Amino acid sequence: MKKSNEPVQRFASEAEERAFWEREDSTRHVDWTKASRVRFPNLKPTTTAISLRLPVDLLERIKIAANKRDVPYQSLIKIWLGEKVG
């Protein structure tokens, strides 16, 4: 006898959906025997804007370094932070 999957509710936000899947067993909603592997090559991670106060001299040095590398200074800051944090 084929088991029918329970429908998944609609979510108001990504946070609500994340909380749902943290507490629910996905096998109640998904037939994993029919799953297949997929790739999302253009998927970009969720980002959030922050405000960061930097000394003017430091910001100018970052902008010069970014200009030498031909990248926006915000992107260079993200690269450096990513390298440092690992």
PDB file of N, CA and C in Angstrom:
ATOM      1  N   MET A   1       0.838  -1.187   0.000  1.00  0.00           N
ATOM      2  CA  MET A   1       0.000   0.000   0.000  1.00  0.00           C
ATOM      3  C   MET A   1       0.880   1.246   0.000  1.00  0.00           C
ATOM      4  N   LYS A   2       0.567   2.159  -0.891  1.00  0.00           N
ATOM      5  CA  LYS A   2       1.352   3.388  -1.028  1.00  0.00           C
ATOM      6  C   LYS A   2       0.965   4.386   0.061  1.00  0.00           C
ATOM      7  N   LYS A   3       1.979   4.893   0.743  1.00  0.00           N
ATOM      8  CA  LYS A   3       1.743   5.892   1.783  1.00  0.00           C
ATOM      9  C   LYS A   3       1.723   7.276   1.140  1.00  0.00           C
ATOM     10  N   SER A   4       0.690   8.075   1.443  1.00  0.00           N
ATOM     11  CA  SER A   4       0.658   9.427   0.883  1.00  0.00           C
ATOM     12  C   SER A   4       1.385  10.375   1.824  1.00  0.00           C
ATOM     13  N   ASN A   5       2.095  11.315   1.243  1.00  0.00           N
ATOM     14  CA  ASN A   5       2.857  12.290   2.012  1.00  0.00           C
ATOM     15  C   ASN A   5       1.958  13.421   2.475  1.00  0.00           C
ATOM     16  N   GLU A   6       2.251  13.909   3.671  1.00  0.00           N
ATOM     17  CA  GLU A   6       1.512  15.057   4.198  1.00  0.00           C
ATOM     18  C   GLU A   6       1.956  16.312   3.445  1.00  0.00           C
ATOM     19  N   PRO A   7       1.028  17.189   3.102  1.00  0.00           N
ATOM     20  CA  PRO A   7       1.431  18.424   2.418  1.00  0.00           C
ATOM     21  C   PRO A   7       2.237  19.322   3.357  1.00  0.00           C
ATOM     22  N   VAL A   8       3.128  20.090   2.764  1.00  0.00           N
ATOM     23  CA  VAL A   8       3.936  21.038   3.533  1.00  0.00           C
ATOM     24  C   VAL A   8       3.214  22.375   3.535  1.00  0.00           C
ATOM     25  N   GLN A   9       3.138  22.980   4.703  1.00  0.00           N
ATOM     26  CA  GLN A   9       2.449  24.273   4.839  1.00  0.00           C
ATOM     27  C   GLN A   9       3.181  25.382   4.094  1.00  0.00           C
ATOM     28  N   ARG A  10       2.523  26.492   3.899  1.00  0.00           N
ATOM     29  CA  ARG A  10       3.145  27.697   3.342  1.00  0.00           C
ATOM     30  C   ARG A  10       3.818  28.436   4.480  1.00  0.00           C
ATOM     31  N   PHE A  11       4.966  29.048   4.192  1.00  0.00           N
ATOM     32  CA  PHE A  11       5.724  29.745   5.226  1.00  0.00           C
ATOM     33  C   PHE A  11       5.747  31.245   4.943  1.00  0.00           C
ATOM     34  N   ALA A  12       5.685  32.019   6.006  1.00  0.00           N
ATOM     35  CA  ALA A  12       5.704  33.484   5.880  1.00  0.00           C
ATOM     36  C   ALA A  12       7.117  34.009   5.680  1.00  0.00           C
ATOM     37  N   SER A  13       8.099  33.228   6.122  1.00  0.00           N
ATOM     38  CA  SER A  13       9.485  33.693   6.003  1.00  0.00           C
ATOM     39  C   SER A  13      10.427  32.494   5.943  1.00  0.00           C
ATOM     40  N   GLU A  14      11.651  32.768   5.552  1.00  0.00           N
ATOM     41  CA  GLU A  14      12.674  31.731   5.510  1.00  0.00           C
ATOM     42  C   GLU A  14      12.959  31.220   6.928  1.00  0.00           C
ATOM     43  N   ALA A  15      12.941  32.119   7.903  1.00  0.00           N
ATOM     44  CA  ALA A  15      13.189  31.733   9.299  1.00  0.00           C
ATOM     45  C   ALA A  15      12.105  30.768   9.797  1.00  0.00           C
ATOM     46  N   GLU A  16      10.858  31.019   9.426  1.00  0.00           N
ATOM     47  CA  GLU A  16       9.762  30.143   9.825  1.00  0.00           C
ATOM     48  C   GLU A  16       9.929  28.759   9.203  1.00  0.00           C
ATOM     49  N   GLU A  17      10.321  28.721   7.933  1.00  0.00           N
ATOM     50  CA  GLU A  17      10.527  27.437   7.269  1.00  0.00           C
ATOM     51  C   GLU A  17      11.702  26.685   7.895  1.00  0.00           C
ATOM     52  N   ARG A  18      12.780  27.397   8.199  1.00  0.00           N
ATOM     53  CA  ARG A  18      13.937  26.769   8.826  1.00  0.00           C
ATOM     54  C   ARG A  18      13.550  26.141  10.168  1.00  0.00           C
ATOM     55  N   ALA A  19      12.770  26.867  10.970  1.00  0.00           N
ATOM     56  CA  ALA A  19      12.327  26.349  12.268  1.00  0.00           C
ATOM     57  C   ALA A  19      11.452  25.102  12.085  1.00  0.00           C
ATOM     58  N   PHE A  20      10.593  25.114  11.062  1.00  0.00           N
ATOM     59  CA  PHE A  20       9.730  23.969  10.780  1.00  0.00           C
ATOM     60  C   PHE A  20      10.567  22.723  10.504  1.00  0.00           C
ATOM     61  N   TRP A  21      11.551  22.820   9.598  1.00  0.00           N
ATOM     62  CA  TRP A  21      12.331  21.651   9.214  1.00  0.00           C
ATOM     63  C   TRP A  21      13.285  21.208  10.315  1.00  0.00           C
ATOM     64  N   GLU A  22      13.602  22.106  11.257  1.00  0.00           N
ATOM     65  CA  GLU A  22      14.438  21.706  12.391  1.00  0.00           C
ATOM     66  C   GLU A  22      13.673  20.785  13.347  1.00  0.00           C
ATOM     67  N   ARG A  23      12.361  20.920  13.407  1.00  0.00           N
ATOM     68  CA  ARG A  23      11.586  20.101  14.350  1.00  0.00           C
ATOM     69  C   ARG A  23      10.816  18.964  13.666  1.00  0.00           C
ATOM     70  N   GLU A  24      10.612  19.022  12.363  1.00  0.00           N
ATOM     71  CA  GLU A  24       9.818  18.006  11.656  1.00  0.00           C
ATOM     72  C   GLU A  24      10.693  16.935  11.019  1.00  0.00           C
ATOM     73  N   ASP A  25      10.131  15.747  10.894  1.00  0.00           N
ATOM     74  CA  ASP A  25      10.771  14.648  10.175  1.00  0.00           C
ATOM     75  C   ASP A  25      10.358  14.755   8.706  1.00  0.00           C
ATOM     76  N   SER A  26      11.322  14.952   7.826  1.00  0.00           N
ATOM     77  CA  SER A  26      11.008  15.173   6.408  1.00  0.00           C
ATOM     78  C   SER A  26      10.372  13.958   5.738  1.00  0.00           C
ATOM     79  N   THR A  27      10.567  12.763   6.287  1.00  0.00           N
ATOM     80  CA  THR A  27       9.997  11.566   5.653  1.00  0.00           C
ATOM     81  C   THR A  27       8.474  11.566   5.687  1.00  0.00           C
ATOM     82  N   ARG A  28       7.886  12.385   6.557  1.00  0.00           N
ATOM     83  CA  ARG A  28       6.428  12.518   6.577  1.00  0.00           C
ATOM     84  C   ARG A  28       5.932  13.324   5.376  1.00  0.00           C
ATOM     85  N   HIS A  29       6.819  14.097   4.758  1.00  0.00           N
ATOM     86  CA  HIS A  29       6.421  15.024   3.700  1.00  0.00           C
ATOM     87  C   HIS A  29       7.051  14.721   2.337  1.00  0.00           C
ATOM     88  N   VAL A  30       8.132  13.962   2.330  1.00  0.00           N
ATOM     89  CA  VAL A  30       8.877  13.721   1.093  1.00  0.00           C
ATOM     90  C   VAL A  30       9.120  12.227   0.924  1.00  0.00           C
ATOM     91  N   ASP A  31       8.913  11.723  -0.282  1.00  0.00           N
ATOM     92  CA  ASP A  31       9.246  10.335  -0.598  1.00  0.00           C
ATOM     93  C   ASP A  31      10.677  10.327  -1.114  1.00  0.00           C
ATOM     94  N   TRP A  32      11.624  10.047  -0.215  1.00  0.00           N
ATOM     95  CA  TRP A  32      13.045  10.124  -0.569  1.00  0.00           C
ATOM     96  C   TRP A  32      13.476   9.028  -1.534  1.00  0.00           C
ATOM     97  N   THR A  33      12.652   8.004  -1.756  1.00  0.00           N
ATOM     98  CA  THR A  33      13.010   6.956  -2.718  1.00  0.00           C
ATOM     99  C   THR A  33      12.926   7.484  -4.146  1.00  0.00           C
ATOM    100  N   LYS A  34      12.205   8.591  -4.336  1.00  0.00           N
ATOM    101  CA  LYS A  34      12.063   9.180  -5.668  1.00  0.00           C
ATOM    102  C   LYS A  34      12.967  10.400  -5.862  1.00  0.00           C
ATOM    103  N   ALA A  35      13.821  10.671  -4.878  1.00  0.00           N
ATOM    104  CA  ALA A  35      14.690  11.855  -4.947  1.00  0.00           C
ATOM    105  C   ALA A  35      15.828  11.636  -5.941  1.00  0.00           C
ATOM    106  N   SER A  36      16.300  12.724  -6.518  1.00  0.00           N
ATOM    107  CA  SER A  36      17.469  12.671  -7.401  1.00  0.00           C
ATOM    108  C   SER A  36      18.384  13.844  -7.065  1.00  0.00           C
ATOM    109  N   ARG A  37      19.657  13.686  -7.370  1.00  0.00           N
ATOM    110  CA  ARG A  37      20.626  14.739  -7.087  1.00  0.00           C
ATOM    111  C   ARG A  37      20.461  15.888  -8.082  1.00  0.00           C
ATOM    112  N   VAL A  38      20.587  17.100  -7.565  1.00  0.00           N
ATOM    113  CA  VAL A  38      20.544  18.289  -8.413  1.00  0.00           C
ATOM    114  C   VAL A  38      21.683  19.209  -8.010  1.00  0.00           C
ATOM    115  N   ARG A  39      22.036  20.117  -8.889  1.00  0.00           N
ATOM    116  CA  ARG A  39      23.063  21.119  -8.604  1.00  0.00           C
ATOM    117  C   ARG A  39      22.463  22.494  -8.797  1.00  0.00           C
ATOM    118  N   PHE A  40      22.884  23.408  -7.970  1.00  0.00           N
ATOM    119  CA  PHE A  40      22.465  24.795  -8.062  1.00  0.00           C
ATOM    120  C   PHE A  40      23.708  25.662  -8.254  1.00  0.00           C
ATOM    121  N   PRO A  41      24.257  25.697  -9.465  1.00  0.00           N
ATOM    122  CA  PRO A  41      25.527  26.392  -9.676  1.00  0.00           C
ATOM    123  C   PRO A  41      25.446  27.910  -9.484  1.00  0.00           C
ATOM    124  N   ASN A  42      24.292  28.496  -9.634  1.00  0.00           N
ATOM    125  CA  ASN A  42      24.175  29.952  -9.516  1.00  0.00           C
ATOM    126  C   ASN A  42      23.543  30.402  -8.210  1.00  0.00           C
ATOM    127  N   LEU A  43      23.435  29.478  -7.247  1.00  0.00           N
ATOM    128  CA  LEU A  43      22.823  29.803  -5.972  1.00  0.00           C
ATOM    129  C   LEU A  43      23.749  30.716  -5.176  1.00  0.00           C
ATOM    130  N   LYS A  44      23.214  31.818  -4.728  1.00  0.00           N
ATOM    131  CA  LYS A  44      24.009  32.766  -3.950  1.00  0.00           C
ATOM    132  C   LYS A  44      23.569  32.709  -2.495  1.00  0.00           C
ATOM    133  N   PRO A  45      24.542  32.753  -1.577  1.00  0.00           N
ATOM    134  CA  PRO A  45      24.161  32.706  -0.160  1.00  0.00           C
ATOM    135  C   PRO A  45      23.391  33.948   0.263  1.00  0.00           C
ATOM    136  N   THR A  46      22.555  33.779   1.257  1.00  0.00           N
ATOM    137  CA  THR A  46      21.810  34.905   1.807  1.00  0.00           C
ATOM    138  C   THR A  46      22.789  35.876   2.446  1.00  0.00           C
ATOM    139  N   THR A  47      22.580  37.145   2.214  1.00  0.00           N
ATOM    140  CA  THR A  47      23.461  38.161   2.782  1.00  0.00           C
ATOM    141  C   THR A  47      22.642  39.152   3.587  1.00  0.00           C
ATOM    142  N   THR A  48      23.335  39.891   4.417  1.00  0.00           N
ATOM    143  CA  THR A  48      22.687  40.946   5.187  1.00  0.00           C
ATOM    144  C   THR A  48      23.620  42.150   5.234  1.00  0.00           C
ATOM    145  N   ALA A  49      23.049  43.319   5.250  1.00  0.00           N
ATOM    146  CA  ALA A  49      23.838  44.547   5.292  1.00  0.00           C
ATOM    147  C   ALA A  49      24.206  44.861   6.733  1.00  0.00           C
ATOM    148  N   ILE A  50      25.427  45.347   6.923  1.00  0.00           N
ATOM    149  CA  ILE A  50      25.867  45.784   8.245  1.00  0.00           C
ATOM    150  C   ILE A  50      26.439  47.183   8.138  1.00  0.00           C
ATOM    151  N   SER A  51      26.523  47.842   9.264  1.00  0.00           N
ATOM    152  CA  SER A  51      27.151  49.155   9.331  1.00  0.00           C
ATOM    153  C   SER A  51      28.425  48.992  10.140  1.00  0.00           C
ATOM    154  N   LEU A  52      29.531  49.447   9.594  1.00  0.00           N
ATOM    155  CA  LEU A  52      30.828  49.273  10.239  1.00  0.00           C
ATOM    156  C   LEU A  52      31.578  50.591  10.201  1.00  0.00           C
ATOM    157  N   ARG A  53      31.954  51.082  11.343  1.00  0.00           N
ATOM    158  CA  ARG A  53      32.708  52.329  11.413  1.00  0.00           C
ATOM    159  C   ARG A  53      34.194  52.012  11.347  1.00  0.00           C
ATOM    160  N   LEU A  54      34.875  52.624  10.376  1.00  0.00           N
ATOM    161  CA  LEU A  54      36.313  52.434  10.202  1.00  0.00           C
ATOM    162  C   LEU A  54      37.002  53.789  10.251  1.00  0.00           C
ATOM    163  N   PRO A  55      38.222  53.820  10.744  1.00  0.00           N
ATOM    164  CA  PRO A  55      38.978  55.068  10.656  1.00  0.00           C
ATOM    165  C   PRO A  55      39.144  55.459   9.184  1.00  0.00           C
ATOM    166  N   VAL A  56      39.070  56.741   8.914  1.00  0.00           N
ATOM    167  CA  VAL A  56      39.149  57.233   7.531  1.00  0.00           C
ATOM    168  C   VAL A  56      40.420  56.751   6.855  1.00  0.00           C
ATOM    169  N   ASP A  57      41.542  56.784   7.567  1.00  0.00           N
ATOM    170  CA  ASP A  57      42.819  56.352   6.993  1.00  0.00           C
ATOM    171  C   ASP A  57      42.778  54.880   6.592  1.00  0.00           C
ATOM    172  N   LEU A  58      42.192  54.037   7.428  1.00  0.00           N
ATOM    173  CA  LEU A  58      42.087  52.615   7.112  1.00  0.00           C
ATOM    174  C   LEU A  58      41.218  52.396   5.887  1.00  0.00           C
ATOM    175  N   LEU A  59      40.097  53.073   5.818  1.00  0.00           N
ATOM    176  CA  LEU A  59      39.207  52.932   4.666  1.00  0.00           C
ATOM    177  C   LEU A  59      39.905  53.377   3.385  1.00  0.00           C
ATOM    178  N   GLU A  60      40.654  54.455   3.451  1.00  0.00           N
ATOM    179  CA  GLU A  60      41.395  54.923   2.264  1.00  0.00           C
ATOM    180  C   GLU A  60      42.421  53.886   1.820  1.00  0.00           C
ATOM    181  N   ARG A  61      43.110  53.271   2.762  1.00  0.00           N
ATOM    182  CA  ARG A  61      44.098  52.240   2.396  1.00  0.00           C
ATOM    183  C   ARG A  61      43.411  51.020   1.786  1.00  0.00           C
ATOM    184  N   ILE A  62      42.241  50.666   2.304  1.00  0.00           N
ATOM    185  CA  ILE A  62      41.478  49.548   1.727  1.00  0.00           C
ATOM    186  C   ILE A  62      41.042  49.886   0.305  1.00  0.00           C
ATOM    187  N   LYS A  63      40.567  51.108   0.087  1.00  0.00           N
ATOM    188  CA  LYS A  63      40.142  51.528  -1.254  1.00  0.00           C
ATOM    189  C   LYS A  63      41.303  51.511  -2.229  1.00  0.00           C
ATOM    190  N   ILE A  64      42.481  51.918  -1.795  1.00  0.00           N
ATOM    191  CA  ILE A  64      43.673  51.888  -2.663  1.00  0.00           C
ATOM    192  C   ILE A  64      44.018  50.446  -3.021  1.00  0.00           C
ATOM    193  N   ALA A  65      43.987  49.557  -2.016  1.00  0.00           N
ATOM    194  CA  ALA A  65      44.273  48.138  -2.264  1.00  0.00           C
ATOM    195  C   ALA A  65      43.253  47.542  -3.229  1.00  0.00           C
ATOM    196  N   ALA A  66      42.000  47.899  -3.065  1.00  0.00           N
ATOM    197  CA  ALA A  66      40.951  47.396  -3.952  1.00  0.00           C
ATOM    198  C   ALA A  66      41.136  47.914  -5.367  1.00  0.00           C
ATOM    199  N   ASN A  67      41.488  49.185  -5.480  1.00  0.00           N
ATOM    200  CA  ASN A  67      41.718  49.786  -6.794  1.00  0.00           C
ATOM    201  C   ASN A  67      42.860  49.075  -7.520  1.00  0.00           C
ATOM    202  N   LYS A  68      43.927  48.734  -6.804  1.00  0.00           N
ATOM    203  CA  LYS A  68      45.057  48.019  -7.405  1.00  0.00           C
ATOM    204  C   LYS A  68      44.638  46.644  -7.922  1.00  0.00           C
ATOM    205  N   ARG A  69      43.660  46.047  -7.248  1.00  0.00           N
ATOM    206  CA  ARG A  69      43.177  44.711  -7.636  1.00  0.00           C
ATOM    207  C   ARG A  69      41.979  44.787  -8.584  1.00  0.00           C
ATOM    208  N   ASP A  70      41.519  45.997  -8.856  1.00  0.00           N
ATOM    209  CA  ASP A  70      40.385  46.242  -9.745  1.00  0.00           C
ATOM    210  C   ASP A  70      39.114  45.535  -9.253  1.00  0.00           C
ATOM    211  N   VAL A  71      38.843  45.663  -7.947  1.00  0.00           N
ATOM    212  CA  VAL A  71      37.626  45.133  -7.355  1.00  0.00           C
ATOM    213  C   VAL A  71      37.004  46.208  -6.473  1.00  0.00           C
ATOM    214  N   PRO A  72      35.705  46.177  -6.261  1.00  0.00           N
ATOM    215  CA  PRO A  72      35.088  47.127  -5.334  1.00  0.00           C
ATOM    216  C   PRO A  72      35.638  46.909  -3.918  1.00  0.00           C
ATOM    217  N   TYR A  73      35.794  47.987  -3.170  1.00  0.00           N
ATOM    218  CA  TYR A  73      36.397  47.857  -1.840  1.00  0.00           C
ATOM    219  C   TYR A  73      35.559  47.000  -0.900  1.00  0.00           C
ATOM    220  N   GLN A  74      34.214  47.042  -1.034  1.00  0.00           N
ATOM    221  CA  GLN A  74      33.386  46.188  -0.180  1.00  0.00           C
ATOM    222  C   GLN A  74      33.656  44.711  -0.465  1.00  0.00           C
ATOM    223  N   SER A  75      33.845  44.382  -1.740  1.00  0.00           N
ATOM    224  CA  SER A  75      34.140  42.998  -2.116  1.00  0.00           C
ATOM    225  C   SER A  75      35.486  42.561  -1.552  1.00  0.00           C
ATOM    226  N   LEU A  76      36.461  43.460  -1.588  1.00  0.00           N
ATOM    227  CA  LEU A  76      37.776  43.130  -1.045  1.00  0.00           C
ATOM    228  C   LEU A  76      37.693  42.891   0.457  1.00  0.00           C
ATOM    229  N   ILE A  77      36.914  43.686   1.159  1.00  0.00           N
ATOM    230  CA  ILE A  77      36.722  43.485   2.596  1.00  0.00           C
ATOM    231  C   ILE A  77      36.108  42.104   2.839  1.00  0.00           C
ATOM    232  N   LYS A  78      35.090  41.722   2.041  1.00  0.00           N
ATOM    233  CA  LYS A  78      34.464  40.403   2.200  1.00  0.00           C
ATOM    234  C   LYS A  78      35.470  39.287   1.942  1.00  0.00           C
ATOM    235  N   ILE A  79      36.316  39.447   0.930  1.00  0.00           N
ATOM    236  CA  ILE A  79      37.337  38.442   0.617  1.00  0.00           C
ATOM    237  C   ILE A  79      38.292  38.289   1.798  1.00  0.00           C
ATOM    238  N   TRP A  80      38.784  39.413   2.298  1.00  0.00           N
ATOM    239  CA  TRP A  80      39.730  39.359   3.415  1.00  0.00           C
ATOM    240  C   TRP A  80      39.098  38.752   4.653  1.00  0.00           C
ATOM    241  N   LEU A  81      37.856  39.112   4.959  1.00  0.00           N
ATOM    242  CA  LEU A  81      37.174  38.538   6.125  1.00  0.00           C
ATOM    243  C   LEU A  81      36.986  37.028   5.959  1.00  0.00           C
ATOM    244  N   GLY A  82      36.599  36.612   4.757  1.00  0.00           N
ATOM    245  CA  GLY A  82      36.428  35.191   4.490  1.00  0.00           C
ATOM    246  C   GLY A  82      37.728  34.411   4.653  1.00  0.00           C
ATOM    247  N   GLU A  83      38.835  34.996   4.190  1.00  0.00           N
ATOM    248  CA  GLU A  83      40.141  34.332   4.328  1.00  0.00           C
ATOM    249  C   GLU A  83      40.540  34.245   5.796  1.00  0.00           C
ATOM    250  N   LYS A  84      40.277  35.283   6.539  1.00  0.00           N
ATOM    251  CA  LYS A  84      40.687  35.327   7.948  1.00  0.00           C
ATOM    252  C   LYS A  84      39.854  34.382   8.807  1.00  0.00           C
ATOM    253  N   VAL A  85      38.559  34.347   8.572  1.00  0.00           N
ATOM    254  CA  VAL A  85      37.669  33.511   9.382  1.00  0.00           C
ATOM    255  C   VAL A  85      37.799  32.042   8.983  1.00  0.00           C
ATOM    256  N   GLY A  86      38.048  31.815   7.695  1.00  0.00           N
ATOM    257  CA  GLY A  86      38.234  30.442   7.229  1.00  0.00           C
ATOM    258  C   GLY A  86      37.034  29.866   6.723  1.00  0.00           C
TER     259      GLY A  86
END
